[in-house]
Amino acid sequence: MSFFTDRDRTIYAAPSGRKYDPVDLYHRLEAASGGHLNAHLERWWGEDVGDGERAAAALELAKVARTAFGFKPFDAPDGTLDADVLDALYHFLRYREGKG
């Protein structure tokens, strides 16, 4: 017996508690990255990537995820740290792995 409807199972709940349509969120990530999401991820997580390149990828991914998730800039009232933005991205990507 499940407490969740079929529709509930298709909704992604972020660590913040905010809910997203996972297909829409993935498309927002792809669009915000200019179609280069996987390339940025490879630079962020790659084994043969230097610290400078990894840092540049993290900054780019934070911008991409901030746009896709709708997070406010850090310096805005109730803004979000880049670390929290990247954590949300990581959480979503792990969620997608489990659904794939």
N, C-alpha and C. Protein backbone atom coordinates (compact mmCIF):
# COMPACT_ATOMS: atom_id res chain seq x y z
N MET A 1 0.84 -1.18 0.00
CA MET A 1 0.00 0.00 0.00
C MET A 1 0.88 1.23 0.00
N SER A 2 0.55 2.18 -0.85
CA SER A 2 1.34 3.41 -0.97
C SER A 2 0.54 4.61 -0.51
N PHE A 3 1.23 5.53 0.13
CA PHE A 3 0.60 6.77 0.56
C PHE A 3 0.65 7.84 -0.52
N PHE A 4 1.32 7.55 -1.61
CA PHE A 4 1.51 8.52 -2.67
C PHE A 4 0.72 8.13 -3.91
N THR A 5 0.10 9.09 -4.54
CA THR A 5 -0.60 8.85 -5.80
C THR A 5 0.44 8.73 -6.91
N ASP A 6 0.02 8.25 -8.08
CA ASP A 6 0.93 8.18 -9.22
C ASP A 6 1.48 9.57 -9.54
N ARG A 7 0.63 10.60 -9.45
CA ARG A 7 1.08 11.96 -9.72
C ARG A 7 2.13 12.41 -8.71
N ASP A 8 1.92 12.09 -7.43
CA ASP A 8 2.88 12.47 -6.39
C ASP A 8 4.25 11.87 -6.67
N ARG A 9 4.26 10.67 -7.21
CA ARG A 9 5.53 10.00 -7.47
C ARG A 9 6.32 10.67 -8.59
N THR A 10 5.66 11.46 -9.41
CA THR A 10 6.35 12.12 -10.53
C THR A 10 6.79 13.53 -10.18
N ILE A 11 6.57 13.97 -8.96
CA ILE A 11 6.96 15.32 -8.55
C ILE A 11 8.27 15.24 -7.79
N TYR A 12 9.22 16.11 -8.14
CA TYR A 12 10.50 16.16 -7.45
C TYR A 12 10.39 17.14 -6.28
N ALA A 13 10.68 16.69 -5.08
CA ALA A 13 10.70 17.55 -3.90
C ALA A 13 12.15 17.85 -3.55
N ALA A 14 12.53 19.11 -3.68
CA ALA A 14 13.89 19.55 -3.37
C ALA A 14 14.12 19.53 -1.86
N PRO A 15 15.38 19.55 -1.42
CA PRO A 15 15.66 19.58 0.02
C PRO A 15 14.99 20.78 0.72
N SER A 16 14.76 21.85 -0.02
CA SER A 16 14.11 23.04 0.54
C SER A 16 12.62 22.81 0.80
N GLY A 17 12.08 21.72 0.25
CA GLY A 17 10.66 21.43 0.37
C GLY A 17 9.86 21.90 -0.84
N ARG A 18 10.48 22.73 -1.68
CA ARG A 18 9.80 23.20 -2.88
C ARG A 18 9.65 22.03 -3.85
N LYS A 19 8.52 22.00 -4.57
CA LYS A 19 8.26 20.91 -5.51
C LYS A 19 8.40 21.40 -6.94
N TYR A 20 8.89 20.50 -7.79
CA TYR A 20 9.13 20.80 -9.20
C TYR A 20 8.64 19.66 -10.07
N ASP A 21 8.27 20.01 -11.28
CA ASP A 21 8.07 19.02 -12.33
C ASP A 21 9.47 18.64 -12.79
N PRO A 22 9.92 17.40 -12.61
CA PRO A 22 11.30 17.05 -12.92
C PRO A 22 11.65 17.19 -14.40
N VAL A 23 10.71 16.95 -15.29
CA VAL A 23 10.99 17.11 -16.72
C VAL A 23 11.21 18.59 -17.04
N ASP A 24 10.33 19.44 -16.53
CA ASP A 24 10.47 20.88 -16.72
C ASP A 24 11.77 21.39 -16.13
N LEU A 25 12.12 20.93 -14.92
CA LEU A 25 13.35 21.38 -14.27
C LEU A 25 14.57 20.97 -15.09
N TYR A 26 14.58 19.75 -15.59
CA TYR A 26 15.72 19.31 -16.41
C TYR A 26 15.83 20.17 -17.67
N HIS A 27 14.71 20.45 -18.30
CA HIS A 27 14.74 21.31 -19.50
C HIS A 27 15.21 22.71 -19.16
N ARG A 28 14.83 23.22 -18.01
CA ARG A 28 15.30 24.54 -17.58
C ARG A 28 16.82 24.53 -17.36
N LEU A 29 17.33 23.45 -16.80
CA LEU A 29 18.78 23.33 -16.60
C LEU A 29 19.50 23.29 -17.95
N GLU A 30 18.98 22.50 -18.88
CA GLU A 30 19.59 22.42 -20.21
C GLU A 30 19.55 23.78 -20.91
N ALA A 31 18.40 24.45 -20.85
CA ALA A 31 18.26 25.75 -21.52
C ALA A 31 19.17 26.79 -20.88
N ALA A 32 19.22 26.83 -19.55
CA ALA A 32 20.06 27.82 -18.87
C ALA A 32 21.54 27.58 -19.13
N SER A 33 21.90 26.34 -19.44
CA SER A 33 23.30 26.03 -19.73
C SER A 33 23.65 26.19 -21.19
N GLY A 34 22.68 26.62 -21.99
CA GLY A 34 22.92 26.74 -23.42
C GLY A 34 23.11 25.39 -24.09
N GLY A 35 22.54 24.36 -23.48
CA GLY A 35 22.69 23.01 -24.04
C GLY A 35 23.99 22.32 -23.66
N HIS A 36 24.70 22.88 -22.68
CA HIS A 36 26.01 22.35 -22.29
C HIS A 36 26.04 21.79 -20.87
N LEU A 37 24.88 21.40 -20.36
CA LEU A 37 24.81 20.92 -18.99
C LEU A 37 25.79 19.77 -18.74
N ASN A 38 25.79 18.77 -19.58
CA ASN A 38 26.67 17.61 -19.36
C ASN A 38 28.14 17.99 -19.42
N ALA A 39 28.49 18.91 -20.30
CA ALA A 39 29.89 19.36 -20.38
C ALA A 39 30.31 20.05 -19.08
N HIS A 40 29.43 20.89 -18.55
CA HIS A 40 29.73 21.56 -17.27
C HIS A 40 29.86 20.54 -16.14
N LEU A 41 28.96 19.55 -16.14
CA LEU A 41 29.01 18.52 -15.10
C LEU A 41 30.30 17.71 -15.19
N GLU A 42 30.72 17.39 -16.39
CA GLU A 42 31.97 16.64 -16.57
C GLU A 42 33.16 17.43 -16.06
N ARG A 43 33.14 18.75 -16.27
CA ARG A 43 34.23 19.59 -15.77
C ARG A 43 34.16 19.72 -14.24
N TRP A 44 32.98 19.69 -13.67
CA TRP A 44 32.83 19.81 -12.23
C TRP A 44 33.24 18.52 -11.51
N TRP A 45 32.88 17.37 -12.08
CA TRP A 45 33.11 16.09 -11.43
C TRP A 45 34.25 15.28 -12.02
N GLY A 46 34.81 15.73 -13.14
CA GLY A 46 35.80 14.93 -13.84
C GLY A 46 37.04 14.61 -13.02
N GLU A 47 37.60 13.46 -13.29
CA GLU A 47 38.80 13.03 -12.57
C GLU A 47 40.05 13.76 -13.02
N ASP A 48 40.16 14.07 -14.29
CA ASP A 48 41.36 14.70 -14.83
C ASP A 48 41.14 16.19 -15.07
N VAL A 49 40.52 16.86 -14.11
CA VAL A 49 40.21 18.27 -14.24
C VAL A 49 40.99 19.03 -13.18
N GLY A 50 41.63 20.11 -13.61
CA GLY A 50 42.39 20.93 -12.67
C GLY A 50 41.47 21.74 -11.76
N ASP A 51 42.04 22.23 -10.67
CA ASP A 51 41.25 22.98 -9.70
C ASP A 51 40.60 24.23 -10.31
N GLY A 52 41.34 24.93 -11.15
CA GLY A 52 40.79 26.14 -11.77
C GLY A 52 39.62 25.85 -12.68
N GLU A 53 39.75 24.81 -13.47
CA GLU A 53 38.67 24.43 -14.38
C GLU A 53 37.46 23.93 -13.60
N ARG A 54 37.71 23.17 -12.52
CA ARG A 54 36.62 22.68 -11.68
C ARG A 54 35.88 23.86 -11.03
N ALA A 55 36.63 24.84 -10.55
CA ALA A 55 36.02 26.01 -9.92
C ALA A 55 35.20 26.80 -10.93
N ALA A 56 35.72 26.95 -12.15
CA ALA A 56 34.98 27.66 -13.20
C ALA A 56 33.68 26.93 -13.53
N ALA A 57 33.74 25.62 -13.58
CA ALA A 57 32.53 24.83 -13.85
C ALA A 57 31.53 24.97 -12.72
N ALA A 58 32.00 24.98 -11.47
CA ALA A 58 31.10 25.14 -10.32
C ALA A 58 30.39 26.49 -10.37
N LEU A 59 31.14 27.54 -10.72
CA LEU A 59 30.52 28.87 -10.83
C LEU A 59 29.48 28.91 -11.93
N GLU A 60 29.79 28.28 -13.06
CA GLU A 60 28.85 28.25 -14.17
C GLU A 60 27.61 27.44 -13.81
N LEU A 61 27.81 26.30 -13.18
CA LEU A 61 26.68 25.47 -12.79
C LEU A 61 25.81 26.15 -11.73
N ALA A 62 26.43 26.92 -10.86
CA ALA A 62 25.65 27.66 -9.85
C ALA A 62 24.75 28.67 -10.55
N LYS A 63 25.26 29.34 -11.59
CA LYS A 63 24.41 30.29 -12.34
C LYS A 63 23.27 29.55 -13.04
N VAL A 64 23.60 28.44 -13.66
CA VAL A 64 22.61 27.65 -14.38
C VAL A 64 21.52 27.16 -13.42
N ALA A 65 21.93 26.56 -12.32
CA ALA A 65 20.97 26.01 -11.36
C ALA A 65 20.17 27.11 -10.68
N ARG A 66 20.80 28.25 -10.39
CA ARG A 66 20.08 29.37 -9.77
C ARG A 66 18.92 29.80 -10.67
N THR A 67 19.19 29.87 -11.97
CA THR A 67 18.15 30.24 -12.93
C THR A 67 17.06 29.17 -13.00
N ALA A 68 17.47 27.91 -13.14
CA ALA A 68 16.51 26.83 -13.32
C ALA A 68 15.63 26.62 -12.09
N PHE A 69 16.23 26.69 -10.91
CA PHE A 69 15.48 26.48 -9.67
C PHE A 69 14.74 27.73 -9.21
N GLY A 70 15.12 28.88 -9.75
CA GLY A 70 14.47 30.13 -9.35
C GLY A 70 14.98 30.68 -8.03
N PHE A 71 16.23 30.36 -7.68
CA PHE A 71 16.82 30.89 -6.45
C PHE A 71 17.24 32.34 -6.64
N LYS A 72 17.10 33.13 -5.59
CA LYS A 72 17.52 34.53 -5.62
C LYS A 72 19.04 34.61 -5.48
N PRO A 73 19.65 35.67 -6.04
CA PRO A 73 21.09 35.87 -5.86
C PRO A 73 21.42 36.00 -4.37
N PHE A 74 22.63 35.65 -4.01
CA PHE A 74 23.06 35.67 -2.62
C PHE A 74 22.86 37.04 -1.96
N ASP A 75 23.15 38.11 -2.69
CA ASP A 75 23.09 39.44 -2.09
C ASP A 75 21.67 40.02 -2.05
N ALA A 76 20.69 39.30 -2.53
CA ALA A 76 19.29 39.74 -2.45
C ALA A 76 18.71 39.31 -1.10
N PRO A 77 17.66 40.01 -0.64
CA PRO A 77 17.01 39.54 0.58
C PRO A 77 16.55 38.08 0.40
N ASP A 78 16.83 37.27 1.38
CA ASP A 78 16.53 35.83 1.32
C ASP A 78 17.25 35.14 0.17
N GLY A 79 18.43 35.65 -0.18
CA GLY A 79 19.22 35.05 -1.25
C GLY A 79 19.79 33.70 -0.85
N THR A 80 20.30 32.98 -1.83
CA THR A 80 20.80 31.62 -1.63
C THR A 80 22.29 31.55 -1.94
N LEU A 81 23.05 30.92 -1.06
CA LEU A 81 24.48 30.72 -1.27
C LEU A 81 24.71 29.79 -2.47
N ASP A 82 25.81 30.00 -3.17
CA ASP A 82 26.16 29.11 -4.28
C ASP A 82 26.26 27.66 -3.80
N ALA A 83 26.79 27.46 -2.60
CA ALA A 83 26.92 26.09 -2.08
C ALA A 83 25.55 25.42 -1.96
N ASP A 84 24.55 26.17 -1.54
CA ASP A 84 23.21 25.60 -1.42
C ASP A 84 22.58 25.36 -2.79
N VAL A 85 22.90 26.23 -3.74
CA VAL A 85 22.41 26.06 -5.11
C VAL A 85 23.01 24.78 -5.70
N LEU A 86 24.32 24.60 -5.53
CA LEU A 86 24.98 23.41 -6.05
C LEU A 86 24.49 22.15 -5.34
N ASP A 87 24.19 22.26 -4.06
CA ASP A 87 23.64 21.12 -3.33
C ASP A 87 22.28 20.72 -3.90
N ALA A 88 21.45 21.72 -4.21
CA ALA A 88 20.14 21.44 -4.81
C ALA A 88 20.31 20.75 -6.17
N LEU A 89 21.27 21.23 -6.96
CA LEU A 89 21.54 20.61 -8.26
C LEU A 89 21.98 19.16 -8.07
N TYR A 90 22.91 18.94 -7.17
CA TYR A 90 23.40 17.59 -6.91
C TYR A 90 22.26 16.68 -6.47
N HIS A 91 21.43 17.17 -5.57
CA HIS A 91 20.29 16.39 -5.08
C HIS A 91 19.36 16.01 -6.23
N PHE A 92 19.08 16.97 -7.11
CA PHE A 92 18.20 16.70 -8.24
C PHE A 92 18.83 15.66 -9.18
N LEU A 93 20.11 15.78 -9.43
CA LEU A 93 20.77 14.83 -10.32
C LEU A 93 20.76 13.43 -9.73
N ARG A 94 20.93 13.32 -8.42
CA ARG A 94 20.84 12.01 -7.75
C ARG A 94 19.42 11.46 -7.85
N TYR A 95 18.43 12.33 -7.71
CA TYR A 95 17.03 11.94 -7.87
C TYR A 95 16.80 11.37 -9.27
N ARG A 96 17.33 12.04 -10.28
CA ARG A 96 17.17 11.59 -11.67
C ARG A 96 17.83 10.24 -11.89
N GLU A 97 18.98 10.03 -11.29
CA GLU A 97 19.66 8.73 -11.41
C GLU A 97 18.77 7.60 -10.90
N GLY A 98 18.09 7.85 -9.80
CA GLY A 98 17.22 6.85 -9.22
C GLY A 98 15.98 6.57 -10.04
N LYS A 99 15.59 7.53 -10.88
CA LYS A 99 14.40 7.38 -11.72
C LYS A 99 14.73 6.77 -13.07
N GLY A 100 16.03 6.77 -13.44
CA GLY A 100 16.43 6.36 -14.78
C GLY A 100 16.47 4.90 -14.99
